[in-house]
Amino acid sequence: MTGASAPGPTPEELARGVLAGKSRPIGRAISEVERDSGDVPEILRRVFRETGRARIIGITGPPGAGKSTLVLRLAQAYRRQGRTVGVVAVDPSSPFTGGAILGDRIRMAEIYTDPGVFIRSMATRGTMGGLARATSDAVDILDAAGFQVILIETVGVGQDEVDVVRAADTTAVVLVPGLGDDIQAIKAGILEIADVFIVNKAEREGSDRAVSELSMMLDLSAHGSGSWRPPIVKTTAPSGAGVPEAVQALESHGDYLAQSAEGARRRAVRARSRLLALLEERFRRTIEARAPEPDGLEEAVRGVTARREDPYTAAGRLFDRLVRDAREGAARMTAESAS
């Protein structure tokens, strides 16, 4: 007869392990984040005050730009400086299991056994914008664990992949030679979020042209006195050529943020975006949990489908109901505590 399995660590135990920089609790805590465990709020509550110390760098760009190999070389360069590195690699989701399907840890085998590096692949699970919903929580855990540089590699879905700016201090957009007029086509998307441009696979023909086109685009952009003009760096990730220059450009932007009001502004924008995302998620879950109730979501869906009610009216009615129920619940609690 097999006995019952032992209970897992408590949120307090996981938080202590994270703050001590222990790999197993860090991995367990990120797993709790990925599966959206009810323990996540308590874990984050216990570690959040120790965050805000890491340099958080987003690496984004179109598919095939060589982001994974570049992230590997950047991690190695930071390790040579004696800094610890966390890597969050956001992969596409399997349509069957919901899990990450590319396995960046396999591609980063050269540093996987380095105790100063922690690598975690995370699935997007259908999240728009190229980032997993749990990415910010995972970054907080690595930050609290003491990792000095955290690299976020996004999934590579093109123009929509702009959510990285809500999680990173500095965003590097990785491009490759041969894009030509495509630079203009995606200009309104990921190109406009770049703090640093990296033209990877620079050994290919056309790398100088890509740099020239990016430089011309920047010349036409508005850069006020004292504002940051994104530098353009050429790299060849497999050989490591240009990687030291890329690190220097990334760190120069970090210095700029530390010395200007832009750093504080970005932190406030990220905090606002994160709070709004959590509120939207909580609202959606509450609505879905009460969907079968009379006058709930399912009835609203039927009404909109049958054109008996427009979406705006239905959404407003559902929202008003939640507000009314919350007020009635608060009034009941007040009355019970007074009695």
C-alpha atoms as a PDB file:
ATOM      1  CA  MET A   1       0.000   0.000   0.000  1.00  0.00           C
ATOM      2  CA  THR A   2       1.417   3.334  -1.039  1.00  0.00           C
ATOM      3  CA  GLY A   3       1.186   6.191   1.441  1.00  0.00           C
ATOM      4  CA  ALA A   4      -0.117   9.633   0.592  1.00  0.00           C
ATOM      5  CA  SER A   5       2.420  11.937  -0.982  1.00  0.00           C
ATOM      6  CA  ALA A   6       3.968  14.520   1.302  1.00  0.00           C
ATOM      7  CA  PRO A   7       2.517  18.025   1.025  1.00  0.00           C
ATOM      8  CA  GLY A   8       4.534  20.515  -0.979  1.00  0.00           C
ATOM      9  CA  PRO A   9       6.333  23.466   0.550  1.00  0.00           C
ATOM     10  CA  THR A  10       4.217  26.277   1.924  1.00  0.00           C
ATOM     11  CA  PRO A  11       4.308  29.759   0.364  1.00  0.00           C
ATOM     12  CA  GLU A  12       6.374  30.922   3.347  1.00  0.00           C
ATOM     13  CA  GLU A  13       8.905  28.116   2.787  1.00  0.00           C
ATOM     14  CA  LEU A  14       9.128  28.857  -0.928  1.00  0.00           C
ATOM     15  CA  ALA A  15       9.581  32.565  -0.259  1.00  0.00           C
ATOM     16  CA  ARG A  16      12.394  31.861   2.224  1.00  0.00           C
ATOM     17  CA  GLY A  17      14.095  29.614  -0.327  1.00  0.00           C
ATOM     18  CA  VAL A  18      13.768  32.251  -3.047  1.00  0.00           C
ATOM     19  CA  LEU A  19      15.239  34.957  -0.827  1.00  0.00           C
ATOM     20  CA  ALA A  20      18.108  32.593   0.016  1.00  0.00           C
ATOM     21  CA  GLY A  21      18.804  32.146  -3.710  1.00  0.00           C
ATOM     22  CA  LYS A  22      18.202  28.383  -3.694  1.00  0.00           C
ATOM     23  CA  SER A  23      17.550  26.909  -7.133  1.00  0.00           C
ATOM     24  CA  ARG A  24      14.898  24.367  -6.183  1.00  0.00           C
ATOM     25  CA  PRO A  25      12.580  26.819  -4.377  1.00  0.00           C
ATOM     26  CA  ILE A  26      13.093  29.346  -7.179  1.00  0.00           C
ATOM     27  CA  GLY A  27      12.010  26.757  -9.726  1.00  0.00           C
ATOM     28  CA  ARG A  28       9.067  25.642  -7.582  1.00  0.00           C
ATOM     29  CA  ALA A  29       7.924  29.241  -7.083  1.00  0.00           C
ATOM     30  CA  ILE A  30       8.018  29.944 -10.825  1.00  0.00           C
ATOM     31  CA  SER A  31       6.096  26.715 -11.421  1.00  0.00           C
ATOM     32  CA  GLU A  32       3.421  27.959  -9.014  1.00  0.00           C
ATOM     33  CA  VAL A  33       3.304  31.185 -11.009  1.00  0.00           C
ATOM     34  CA  GLU A  34       2.974  29.309 -14.308  1.00  0.00           C
ATOM     35  CA  ARG A  35       0.091  27.159 -13.140  1.00  0.00           C
ATOM     36  CA  ASP A  36      -1.575  30.175 -11.540  1.00  0.00           C
ATOM     37  CA  SER A  37      -1.622  28.621  -8.086  1.00  0.00           C
ATOM     38  CA  GLY A  38      -3.595  30.206  -5.282  1.00  0.00           C
ATOM     39  CA  ASP A  39      -0.289  30.464  -3.388  1.00  0.00           C
ATOM     40  CA  VAL A  40       1.168  33.003  -5.829  1.00  0.00           C
ATOM     41  CA  PRO A  41      -0.169  36.163  -4.112  1.00  0.00           C
ATOM     42  CA  GLU A  42       1.314  35.069  -0.780  1.00  0.00           C
ATOM     43  CA  ILE A  43       4.669  34.158  -2.342  1.00  0.00           C
ATOM     44  CA  LEU A  44       4.888  37.511  -4.125  1.00  0.00           C
ATOM     45  CA  ARG A  45       3.782  39.374  -1.011  1.00  0.00           C
ATOM     46  CA  ARG A  46       6.696  37.883   0.918  1.00  0.00           C
ATOM     47  CA  VAL A  47       9.393  38.559  -1.694  1.00  0.00           C
ATOM     48  CA  PHE A  48       8.280  41.757  -3.427  1.00  0.00           C
ATOM     49  CA  ARG A  49      10.089  44.170  -1.083  1.00  0.00           C
ATOM     50  CA  GLU A  50      13.387  42.579  -2.125  1.00  0.00           C
ATOM     51  CA  THR A  51      12.812  43.311  -5.826  1.00  0.00           C
ATOM     52  CA  GLY A  52      13.823  46.329  -7.856  1.00  0.00           C
ATOM     53  CA  ARG A  53      17.561  45.684  -7.802  1.00  0.00           C
ATOM     54  CA  ALA A  54      18.072  43.696 -11.021  1.00  0.00           C
ATOM     55  CA  ARG A  55      18.752  45.047 -14.503  1.00  0.00           C
ATOM     56  CA  ILE A  56      15.850  43.722 -16.587  1.00  0.00           C
ATOM     57  CA  ILE A  57      16.528  43.538 -20.312  1.00  0.00           C
ATOM     58  CA  GLY A  58      14.020  42.479 -22.952  1.00  0.00           C
ATOM     59  CA  ILE A  59      15.259  40.845 -26.155  1.00  0.00           C
ATOM     60  CA  THR A  60      12.655  40.898 -28.905  1.00  0.00           C
ATOM     61  CA  GLY A  61      12.411  40.795 -32.673  1.00  0.00           C
ATOM     62  CA  PRO A  62      10.973  38.788 -35.552  1.00  0.00           C
ATOM     63  CA  PRO A  63      11.307  34.995 -35.764  1.00  0.00           C
ATOM     64  CA  GLY A  64      14.615  33.772 -37.133  1.00  0.00           C
ATOM     65  CA  ALA A  65      16.620  36.730 -35.862  1.00  0.00           C
ATOM     66  CA  GLY A  66      18.802  34.476 -33.691  1.00  0.00           C
ATOM     67  CA  LYS A  67      17.527  35.765 -30.362  1.00  0.00           C
ATOM     68  CA  SER A  68      18.199  32.585 -28.379  1.00  0.00           C
ATOM     69  CA  THR A  69      21.858  32.354 -29.402  1.00  0.00           C
ATOM     70  CA  LEU A  70      22.272  36.073 -28.762  1.00  0.00           C
ATOM     71  CA  VAL A  71      20.747  35.721 -25.276  1.00  0.00           C
ATOM     72  CA  LEU A  72      23.204  32.888 -24.598  1.00  0.00           C
ATOM     73  CA  ARG A  73      26.161  35.106 -25.582  1.00  0.00           C
ATOM     74  CA  LEU A  74      24.832  38.064 -23.588  1.00  0.00           C
ATOM     75  CA  ALA A  75      24.451  35.854 -20.521  1.00  0.00           C
ATOM     76  CA  GLN A  76      28.017  34.613 -20.928  1.00  0.00           C
ATOM     77  CA  ALA A  77      29.290  38.190 -21.309  1.00  0.00           C
ATOM     78  CA  TYR A  78      27.554  39.281 -18.098  1.00  0.00           C
ATOM     79  CA  ARG A  79      28.908  36.214 -16.296  1.00  0.00           C
ATOM     80  CA  ARG A  80      32.435  37.197 -17.344  1.00  0.00           C
ATOM     81  CA  GLN A  81      31.773  40.478 -15.551  1.00  0.00           C
ATOM     82  CA  GLY A  82      30.990  38.466 -12.425  1.00  0.00           C
ATOM     83  CA  ARG A  83      27.251  39.194 -12.483  1.00  0.00           C
ATOM     84  CA  THR A  84      24.580  36.561 -11.927  1.00  0.00           C
ATOM     85  CA  VAL A  85      22.026  36.121 -14.695  1.00  0.00           C
ATOM     86  CA  GLY A  86      18.426  34.946 -14.858  1.00  0.00           C
ATOM     87  CA  VAL A  87      16.877  34.078 -18.217  1.00  0.00           C
ATOM     88  CA  VAL A  88      13.132  33.924 -18.860  1.00  0.00           C
ATOM     89  CA  ALA A  89      12.596  32.530 -22.367  1.00  0.00           C
ATOM     90  CA  VAL A  90       8.982  32.876 -23.495  1.00  0.00           C
ATOM     91  CA  ASP A  91       8.105  30.119 -25.965  1.00  0.00           C
ATOM     92  CA  PRO A  92       5.016  29.468 -28.067  1.00  0.00           C
ATOM     93  CA  SER A  93       2.476  27.215 -26.375  1.00  0.00           C
ATOM     94  CA  SER A  94       1.711  23.698 -27.464  1.00  0.00           C
ATOM     95  CA  PRO A  95      -1.933  23.630 -28.616  1.00  0.00           C
ATOM     96  CA  PHE A  96      -2.289  20.270 -26.866  1.00  0.00           C
ATOM     97  CA  THR A  97      -0.537  20.639 -23.509  1.00  0.00           C
ATOM     98  CA  GLY A  98      -0.213  24.399 -23.155  1.00  0.00           C
ATOM     99  CA  GLY A  99       3.498  23.897 -22.445  1.00  0.00           C
ATOM    100  CA  ALA A 100       6.494  25.586 -24.036  1.00  0.00           C
ATOM    101  CA  ILE A 101       7.506  23.744 -27.202  1.00  0.00           C
ATOM    102  CA  LEU A 102      10.891  25.154 -28.242  1.00  0.00           C
ATOM    103  CA  GLY A 103      12.924  24.346 -25.146  1.00  0.00           C
ATOM    104  CA  ASP A 104      15.412  27.205 -24.882  1.00  0.00           C
ATOM    105  CA  ARG A 105      17.215  25.400 -22.073  1.00  0.00           C
ATOM    106  CA  ILE A 106      18.387  22.850 -24.631  1.00  0.00           C
ATOM    107  CA  ARG A 107      19.731  25.573 -26.898  1.00  0.00           C
ATOM    108  CA  MET A 108      21.446  27.219 -23.919  1.00  0.00           C
ATOM    109  CA  ALA A 109      23.161  24.037 -22.762  1.00  0.00           C
ATOM    110  CA  GLU A 110      26.533  25.829 -22.616  1.00  0.00           C
ATOM    111  CA  ILE A 111      25.466  27.765 -19.505  1.00  0.00           C
ATOM    112  CA  TYR A 112      22.785  25.484 -18.108  1.00  0.00           C
ATOM    113  CA  THR A 113      25.100  24.019 -15.442  1.00  0.00           C
ATOM    114  CA  ASP A 114      26.514  27.408 -14.378  1.00  0.00           C
ATOM    115  CA  PRO A 115      25.299  28.025 -10.791  1.00  0.00           C
ATOM    116  CA  GLY A 116      25.309  31.757 -11.512  1.00  0.00           C
ATOM    117  CA  VAL A 117      22.679  31.331 -14.227  1.00  0.00           C
ATOM    118  CA  PHE A 118      19.038  30.325 -13.912  1.00  0.00           C
ATOM    119  CA  ILE A 119      17.129  29.575 -17.134  1.00  0.00           C
ATOM    120  CA  ARG A 120      13.395  29.093 -17.370  1.00  0.00           C
ATOM    121  CA  SER A 121      11.264  28.535 -20.463  1.00  0.00           C
ATOM    122  CA  MET A 122       7.682  29.712 -20.130  1.00  0.00           C
ATOM    123  CA  ALA A 123       4.728  29.178 -22.448  1.00  0.00           C
ATOM    124  CA  THR A 124       2.687  32.099 -23.739  1.00  0.00           C
ATOM    125  CA  ARG A 125      -0.512  30.033 -23.261  1.00  0.00           C
ATOM    126  CA  GLY A 126      -2.213  32.159 -25.874  1.00  0.00           C
ATOM    127  CA  THR A 127      -1.294  35.494 -24.315  1.00  0.00           C
ATOM    128  CA  MET A 128      -1.145  38.261 -26.904  1.00  0.00           C
ATOM    129  CA  GLY A 129       1.870  40.546 -27.124  1.00  0.00           C
ATOM    130  CA  GLY A 130       4.575  37.876 -27.072  1.00  0.00           C
ATOM    131  CA  LEU A 131       4.866  37.556 -23.294  1.00  0.00           C
ATOM    132  CA  ALA A 132       3.501  34.984 -20.903  1.00  0.00           C
ATOM    133  CA  ARG A 133       1.029  36.451 -18.424  1.00  0.00           C
ATOM    134  CA  ALA A 134       3.226  35.198 -15.597  1.00  0.00           C
ATOM    135  CA  THR A 135       6.463  36.704 -16.917  1.00  0.00           C
ATOM    136  CA  SER A 136       6.441  39.689 -14.561  1.00  0.00           C
ATOM    137  CA  ASP A 137       5.928  37.416 -11.547  1.00  0.00           C
ATOM    138  CA  ALA A 138       8.784  35.149 -12.669  1.00  0.00           C
ATOM    139  CA  VAL A 139      11.036  38.194 -13.095  1.00  0.00           C
ATOM    140  CA  ASP A 140      10.152  39.333  -9.567  1.00  0.00           C
ATOM    141  CA  ILE A 141      11.103  35.926  -8.178  1.00  0.00           C
ATOM    142  CA  LEU A 142      14.484  35.978  -9.933  1.00  0.00           C
ATOM    143  CA  ASP A 143      15.020  39.589  -8.841  1.00  0.00           C
ATOM    144  CA  ALA A 144      14.236  38.743  -5.214  1.00  0.00           C
ATOM    145  CA  ALA A 145      16.548  35.730  -5.459  1.00  0.00           C
ATOM    146  CA  GLY A 146      19.441  38.090  -6.129  1.00  0.00           C
ATOM    147  CA  PHE A 147      20.047  37.700  -9.859  1.00  0.00           C
ATOM    148  CA  GLN A 148      21.690  40.905 -10.996  1.00  0.00           C
ATOM    149  CA  VAL A 149      20.746  40.764 -14.687  1.00  0.00           C
ATOM    150  CA  ILE A 150      17.500  39.252 -15.982  1.00  0.00           C
ATOM    151  CA  LEU A 151      17.136  38.646 -19.718  1.00  0.00           C
ATOM    152  CA  ILE A 152      13.615  38.210 -21.109  1.00  0.00           C
ATOM    153  CA  GLU A 153      13.595  36.559 -24.531  1.00  0.00           C
ATOM    154  CA  THR A 154      10.221  36.975 -26.213  1.00  0.00           C
ATOM    155  CA  VAL A 155       8.551  34.557 -28.556  1.00  0.00           C
ATOM    156  CA  GLY A 156       9.180  36.375 -31.816  1.00  0.00           C
ATOM    157  CA  VAL A 157       5.755  37.028 -33.269  1.00  0.00           C
ATOM    158  CA  GLY A 158       6.464  40.323 -34.991  1.00  0.00           C
ATOM    159  CA  GLN A 159       4.616  43.617 -34.755  1.00  0.00           C
ATOM    160  CA  ASP A 160       2.322  42.693 -31.862  1.00  0.00           C
ATOM    161  CA  GLU A 161       5.261  41.824 -29.656  1.00  0.00           C
ATOM    162  CA  VAL A 162       5.392  45.049 -27.683  1.00  0.00           C
ATOM    163  CA  ASP A 163       4.336  43.945 -24.191  1.00  0.00           C
ATOM    164  CA  VAL A 164       7.994  43.419 -23.328  1.00  0.00           C
ATOM    165  CA  VAL A 165       8.279  47.144 -22.553  1.00  0.00           C
ATOM    166  CA  ARG A 166       5.896  46.580 -19.629  1.00  0.00           C
ATOM    167  CA  ALA A 167       8.295  44.094 -18.056  1.00  0.00           C
ATOM    168  CA  ALA A 168      11.794  45.327 -18.976  1.00  0.00           C
ATOM    169  CA  ASP A 169      13.925  48.361 -18.127  1.00  0.00           C
ATOM    170  CA  THR A 170      15.710  48.223 -21.467  1.00  0.00           C
ATOM    171  CA  THR A 171      14.409  46.671 -24.686  1.00  0.00           C
ATOM    172  CA  ALA A 172      16.692  45.485 -27.477  1.00  0.00           C
ATOM    173  CA  VAL A 173      15.115  44.828 -30.871  1.00  0.00           C
ATOM    174  CA  VAL A 174      17.038  42.206 -32.837  1.00  0.00           C
ATOM    175  CA  LEU A 175      16.886  42.379 -36.631  1.00  0.00           C
ATOM    176  CA  VAL A 176      18.748  40.620 -39.419  1.00  0.00           C
ATOM    177  CA  PRO A 177      20.075  41.725 -42.826  1.00  0.00           C
ATOM    178  CA  GLY A 178      17.717  41.350 -45.735  1.00  0.00           C
ATOM    179  CA  LEU A 179      14.635  42.957 -44.221  1.00  0.00           C
ATOM    180  CA  GLY A 180      14.863  45.845 -46.698  1.00  0.00           C
ATOM    181  CA  ASP A 181      11.536  47.593 -47.060  1.00  0.00           C
ATOM    182  CA  ASP A 182      10.128  45.343 -44.323  1.00  0.00           C
ATOM    183  CA  ILE A 183      11.721  47.734 -41.829  1.00  0.00           C
ATOM    184  CA  GLN A 184       9.158  50.330 -42.827  1.00  0.00           C
ATOM    185  CA  ALA A 185       6.353  47.762 -42.759  1.00  0.00           C
ATOM    186  CA  ILE A 186       6.989  46.887 -39.110  1.00  0.00           C
ATOM    187  CA  LYS A 187       8.118  50.364 -38.081  1.00  0.00           C
ATOM    188  CA  ALA A 188       4.866  51.042 -36.221  1.00  0.00           C
ATOM    189  CA  GLY A 189       5.324  47.910 -34.146  1.00  0.00           C
ATOM    190  CA  ILE A 190       8.413  46.550 -32.484  1.00  0.00           C
ATOM    191  CA  LEU A 191      10.819  49.062 -34.026  1.00  0.00           C
ATOM    192  CA  GLU A 192       9.300  51.889 -32.010  1.00  0.00           C
ATOM    193  CA  ILE A 193       9.921  50.191 -28.667  1.00  0.00           C
ATOM    194  CA  ALA A 194      13.670  49.792 -29.179  1.00  0.00           C
ATOM    195  CA  ASP A 195      16.157  51.272 -26.739  1.00  0.00           C
ATOM    196  CA  VAL A 196      18.936  49.440 -28.566  1.00  0.00           C
ATOM    197  CA  PHE A 197      18.959  47.975 -32.080  1.00  0.00           C
ATOM    198  CA  ILE A 198      20.984  44.832 -32.679  1.00  0.00           C
ATOM    199  CA  VAL A 199      21.565  43.750 -36.263  1.00  0.00           C
ATOM    200  CA  ASN A 200      22.393  40.088 -35.763  1.00  0.00           C
ATOM    201  CA  LYS A 201      23.885  37.692 -38.340  1.00  0.00           C
ATOM    202  CA  ALA A 202      26.037  40.629 -39.402  1.00  0.00           C
ATOM    203  CA  GLU A 203      28.271  38.310 -41.461  1.00  0.00           C
ATOM    204  CA  ARG A 204      25.479  38.211 -44.045  1.00  0.00           C
ATOM    205  CA  GLU A 205      25.387  40.471 -47.065  1.00  0.00           C
ATOM    206  CA  GLY A 206      23.272  43.539 -46.443  1.00  0.00           C
ATOM    207  CA  SER A 207      24.146  44.155 -42.795  1.00  0.00           C
ATOM    208  CA  ASP A 208      25.582  47.617 -43.535  1.00  0.00           C
ATOM    209  CA  ARG A 209      22.450  48.462 -45.505  1.00  0.00           C
ATOM    210  CA  ALA A 210      20.252  47.415 -42.583  1.00  0.00           C
ATOM    211  CA  VAL A 211      22.259  49.670 -40.273  1.00  0.00           C
ATOM    212  CA  SER A 212      21.949  52.577 -42.721  1.00  0.00           C
ATOM    213  CA  GLU A 213      18.182  52.122 -43.030  1.00  0.00           C
ATOM    214  CA  LEU A 214      17.758  52.039 -39.262  1.00  0.00           C
ATOM    215  CA  SER A 215      19.942  55.115 -38.903  1.00  0.00           C
ATOM    216  CA  MET A 216      17.860  56.971 -41.506  1.00  0.00           C
ATOM    217  CA  MET A 217      14.683  55.985 -39.666  1.00  0.00           C
ATOM    218  CA  LEU A 218      16.118  57.368 -36.426  1.00  0.00           C
ATOM    219  CA  ASP A 219      17.126  60.579 -38.171  1.00  0.00           C
ATOM    220  CA  LEU A 220      13.487  61.089 -39.134  1.00  0.00           C
ATOM    221  CA  SER A 221      12.285  60.382 -35.606  1.00  0.00           C
ATOM    222  CA  ALA A 222      11.898  63.034 -32.951  1.00  0.00           C
ATOM    223  CA  HIS A 223      14.795  63.043 -30.515  1.00  0.00           C
ATOM    224  CA  GLY A 224      14.722  66.049 -28.233  1.00  0.00           C
ATOM    225  CA  SER A 225      17.774  67.512 -26.571  1.00  0.00           C
ATOM    226  CA  GLY A 226      19.026  65.103 -23.944  1.00  0.00           C
ATOM    227  CA  SER A 227      16.717  62.278 -25.039  1.00  0.00           C
ATOM    228  CA  TRP A 228      17.962  58.794 -25.801  1.00  0.00           C
ATOM    229  CA  ARG A 229      18.805  57.894 -29.385  1.00  0.00           C
ATOM    230  CA  PRO A 230      18.886  54.092 -29.750  1.00  0.00           C
ATOM    231  CA  PRO A 231      22.357  52.907 -30.769  1.00  0.00           C
ATOM    232  CA  ILE A 232      22.723  50.318 -33.525  1.00  0.00           C
ATOM    233  CA  VAL A 233      25.090  47.407 -32.904  1.00  0.00           C
ATOM    234  CA  LYS A 234      26.095  44.629 -35.285  1.00  0.00           C
ATOM    235  CA  THR A 235      26.594  41.123 -33.880  1.00  0.00           C
ATOM    236  CA  THR A 236      27.295  37.604 -35.033  1.00  0.00           C
ATOM    237  CA  ALA A 237      25.929  35.606 -32.135  1.00  0.00           C
ATOM    238  CA  PRO A 238      27.414  32.140 -32.864  1.00  0.00           C
ATOM    239  CA  SER A 239      30.973  33.522 -32.780  1.00  0.00           C
ATOM    240  CA  GLY A 240      30.240  36.212 -30.178  1.00  0.00           C
ATOM    241  CA  ALA A 241      31.394  39.012 -32.470  1.00  0.00           C
ATOM    242  CA  GLY A 242      29.892  42.345 -31.452  1.00  0.00           C
ATOM    243  CA  VAL A 243      28.431  41.003 -28.196  1.00  0.00           C
ATOM    244  CA  PRO A 244      30.679  43.145 -25.928  1.00  0.00           C
ATOM    245  CA  GLU A 245      29.512  46.209 -27.876  1.00  0.00           C
ATOM    246  CA  ALA A 246      25.884  45.104 -27.436  1.00  0.00           C
ATOM    247  CA  VAL A 247      26.395  44.782 -23.670  1.00  0.00           C
ATOM    248  CA  GLN A 248      27.992  48.224 -23.587  1.00  0.00           C
ATOM    249  CA  ALA A 249      24.990  49.709 -25.442  1.00  0.00           C
ATOM    250  CA  LEU A 250      22.524  48.012 -23.092  1.00  0.00           C
ATOM    251  CA  GLU A 251      24.392  49.236 -20.032  1.00  0.00           C
ATOM    252  CA  SER A 252      24.675  52.756 -21.443  1.00  0.00           C
ATOM    253  CA  HIS A 253      20.884  52.832 -21.612  1.00  0.00           C
ATOM    254  CA  GLY A 254      20.750  51.633 -18.011  1.00  0.00           C
ATOM    255  CA  ASP A 255      23.000  54.536 -17.018  1.00  0.00           C
ATOM    256  CA  TYR A 256      20.742  56.930 -18.934  1.00  0.00           C
ATOM    257  CA  LEU A 257      17.674  55.663 -17.041  1.00  0.00           C
ATOM    258  CA  ALA A 258      19.477  56.039 -13.708  1.00  0.00           C
ATOM    259  CA  GLN A 259      20.509  59.613 -14.457  1.00  0.00           C
ATOM    260  CA  SER A 260      17.251  60.920 -15.974  1.00  0.00           C
ATOM    261  CA  ALA A 261      13.570  61.130 -15.091  1.00  0.00           C
ATOM    262  CA  GLU A 262      12.839  58.497 -17.720  1.00  0.00           C
ATOM    263  CA  GLY A 263      13.754  55.662 -15.356  1.00  0.00           C
ATOM    264  CA  ALA A 264      11.174  56.697 -12.756  1.00  0.00           C
ATOM    265  CA  ARG A 265       8.571  57.302 -15.452  1.00  0.00           C
ATOM    266  CA  ARG A 266       9.041  53.816 -16.873  1.00  0.00           C
ATOM    267  CA  ARG A 267       8.790  52.203 -13.453  1.00  0.00           C
ATOM    268  CA  ALA A 268       5.488  53.999 -12.857  1.00  0.00           C
ATOM    269  CA  VAL A 269       4.159  52.960 -16.271  1.00  0.00           C
ATOM    270  CA  ARG A 270       5.095  49.328 -15.596  1.00  0.00           C
ATOM    271  CA  ALA A 271       3.454  49.401 -12.164  1.00  0.00           C
ATOM    272  CA  ARG A 272       0.258  50.889 -13.620  1.00  0.00           C
ATOM    273  CA  SER A 273       0.140  48.370 -16.478  1.00  0.00           C
ATOM    274  CA  ARG A 274       0.662  45.483 -14.103  1.00  0.00           C
ATOM    275  CA  LEU A 275      -2.031  46.604 -11.682  1.00  0.00           C
ATOM    276  CA  LEU A 276      -4.525  47.112 -14.495  1.00  0.00           C
ATOM    277  CA  ALA A 277      -3.724  43.667 -15.906  1.00  0.00           C
ATOM    278  CA  LEU A 278      -4.314  42.056 -12.487  1.00  0.00           C
ATOM    279  CA  LEU A 279      -7.592  43.930 -12.064  1.00  0.00           C
ATOM    280  CA  GLU A 280      -8.752  42.910 -15.530  1.00  0.00           C
ATOM    281  CA  GLU A 281      -7.866  39.283 -14.791  1.00  0.00           C
ATOM    282  CA  ARG A 282      -9.712  39.323 -11.472  1.00  0.00           C
ATOM    283  CA  PHE A 283     -12.778  40.899 -13.055  1.00  0.00           C
ATOM    284  CA  ARG A 284     -12.807  38.326 -15.868  1.00  0.00           C
ATOM    285  CA  ARG A 285     -12.483  35.424 -13.453  1.00  0.00           C
ATOM    286  CA  THR A 286     -15.267  36.735 -11.250  1.00  0.00           C
ATOM    287  CA  ILE A 287     -17.585  37.141 -14.240  1.00  0.00           C
ATOM    288  CA  GLU A 288     -16.763  33.661 -15.550  1.00  0.00           C
ATOM    289  CA  ALA A 289     -17.216  32.038 -12.137  1.00  0.00           C
ATOM    290  CA  ARG A 290     -20.749  33.406 -11.991  1.00  0.00           C
ATOM    291  CA  ALA A 291     -21.505  32.816 -15.670  1.00  0.00           C
ATOM    292  CA  PRO A 292     -24.348  30.266 -15.197  1.00  0.00           C
ATOM    293  CA  GLU A 293     -26.256  32.437 -12.718  1.00  0.00           C
ATOM    294  CA  PRO A 294     -29.453  34.213 -13.811  1.00  0.00           C
ATOM    295  CA  ASP A 295     -28.560  37.482 -15.477  1.00  0.00           C
ATOM    296  CA  GLY A 296     -24.945  36.272 -15.663  1.00  0.00           C
ATOM    297  CA  LEU A 297     -22.419  35.961 -18.471  1.00  0.00           C
ATOM    298  CA  GLU A 298     -24.120  33.067 -20.262  1.00  0.00           C
ATOM    299  CA  GLU A 299     -27.399  34.938 -20.485  1.00  0.00           C
ATOM    300  CA  ALA A 300     -25.556  37.999 -21.754  1.00  0.00           C
ATOM    301  CA  VAL A 301     -23.825  35.873 -24.403  1.00  0.00           C
ATOM    302  CA  ARG A 302     -27.178  34.531 -25.566  1.00  0.00           C
ATOM    303  CA  GLY A 303     -28.639  38.034 -25.665  1.00  0.00           C
ATOM    304  CA  VAL A 304     -25.773  39.432 -27.729  1.00  0.00           C
ATOM    305  CA  THR A 305     -25.784  36.409 -30.044  1.00  0.00           C
ATOM    306  CA  ALA A 306     -29.501  36.822 -30.671  1.00  0.00           C
ATOM    307  CA  ARG A 307     -29.088  40.599 -31.113  1.00  0.00           C
ATOM    308  CA  ARG A 308     -31.477  41.254 -28.232  1.00  0.00           C
ATOM    309  CA  GLU A 309     -28.764  43.293 -26.499  1.00  0.00           C
ATOM    310  CA  ASP A 310     -25.689  45.112 -27.728  1.00  0.00           C
ATOM    311  CA  PRO A 311     -22.246  44.189 -26.271  1.00  0.00           C
ATOM    312  CA  TYR A 312     -21.754  47.559 -24.542  1.00  0.00           C
ATOM    313  CA  THR A 313     -25.075  47.382 -22.716  1.00  0.00           C
ATOM    314  CA  ALA A 314     -24.463  43.756 -21.723  1.00  0.00           C
ATOM    315  CA  ALA A 315     -20.966  44.506 -20.431  1.00  0.00           C
ATOM    316  CA  GLY A 316     -22.206  47.538 -18.503  1.00  0.00           C
ATOM    317  CA  ARG A 317     -24.965  45.497 -16.902  1.00  0.00           C
ATOM    318  CA  LEU A 318     -22.539  42.770 -15.819  1.00  0.00           C
ATOM    319  CA  PHE A 319     -20.156  45.353 -14.366  1.00  0.00           C
ATOM    320  CA  ASP A 320     -22.950  47.168 -12.518  1.00  0.00           C
ATOM    321  CA  ARG A 321     -24.086  43.856 -11.051  1.00  0.00           C
ATOM    322  CA  LEU A 322     -20.625  43.100  -9.692  1.00  0.00           C
ATOM    323  CA  VAL A 323     -20.365  46.561  -8.151  1.00  0.00           C
ATOM    324  CA  ARG A 324     -23.807  46.232  -6.581  1.00  0.00           C
ATOM    325  CA  ASP A 325     -23.059  42.776  -5.179  1.00  0.00           C
ATOM    326  CA  ALA A 326     -19.718  44.007  -3.771  1.00  0.00           C
ATOM    327  CA  ARG A 327     -21.446  46.900  -2.013  1.00  0.00           C
ATOM    328  CA  GLU A 328     -24.131  44.625  -0.575  1.00  0.00           C
ATOM    329  CA  GLY A 329     -21.456  42.207   0.639  1.00  0.00           C
ATOM    330  CA  ALA A 330     -19.508  45.012   2.311  1.00  0.00           C
ATOM    331  CA  ALA A 331     -22.692  46.290   3.964  1.00  0.00           C
ATOM    332  CA  ARG A 332     -23.450  42.804   5.319  1.00  0.00           C
ATOM    333  CA  MET A 333     -19.952  42.467   6.745  1.00  0.00           C
ATOM    334  CA  THR A 334     -20.247  45.874   8.419  1.00  0.00           C
ATOM    335  CA  ALA A 335     -23.619  44.975   9.927  1.00  0.00           C
ATOM    336  CA  GLU A 336     -22.346  41.602  11.205  1.00  0.00           C
ATOM    337  CA  SER A 337     -19.275  43.176  12.814  1.00  0.00           C
ATOM    338  CA  ALA A 338     -21.454  45.803  14.509  1.00  0.00           C
ATOM    339  CA  SER A 339     -23.911  43.268  15.914  1.00  0.00           C
END
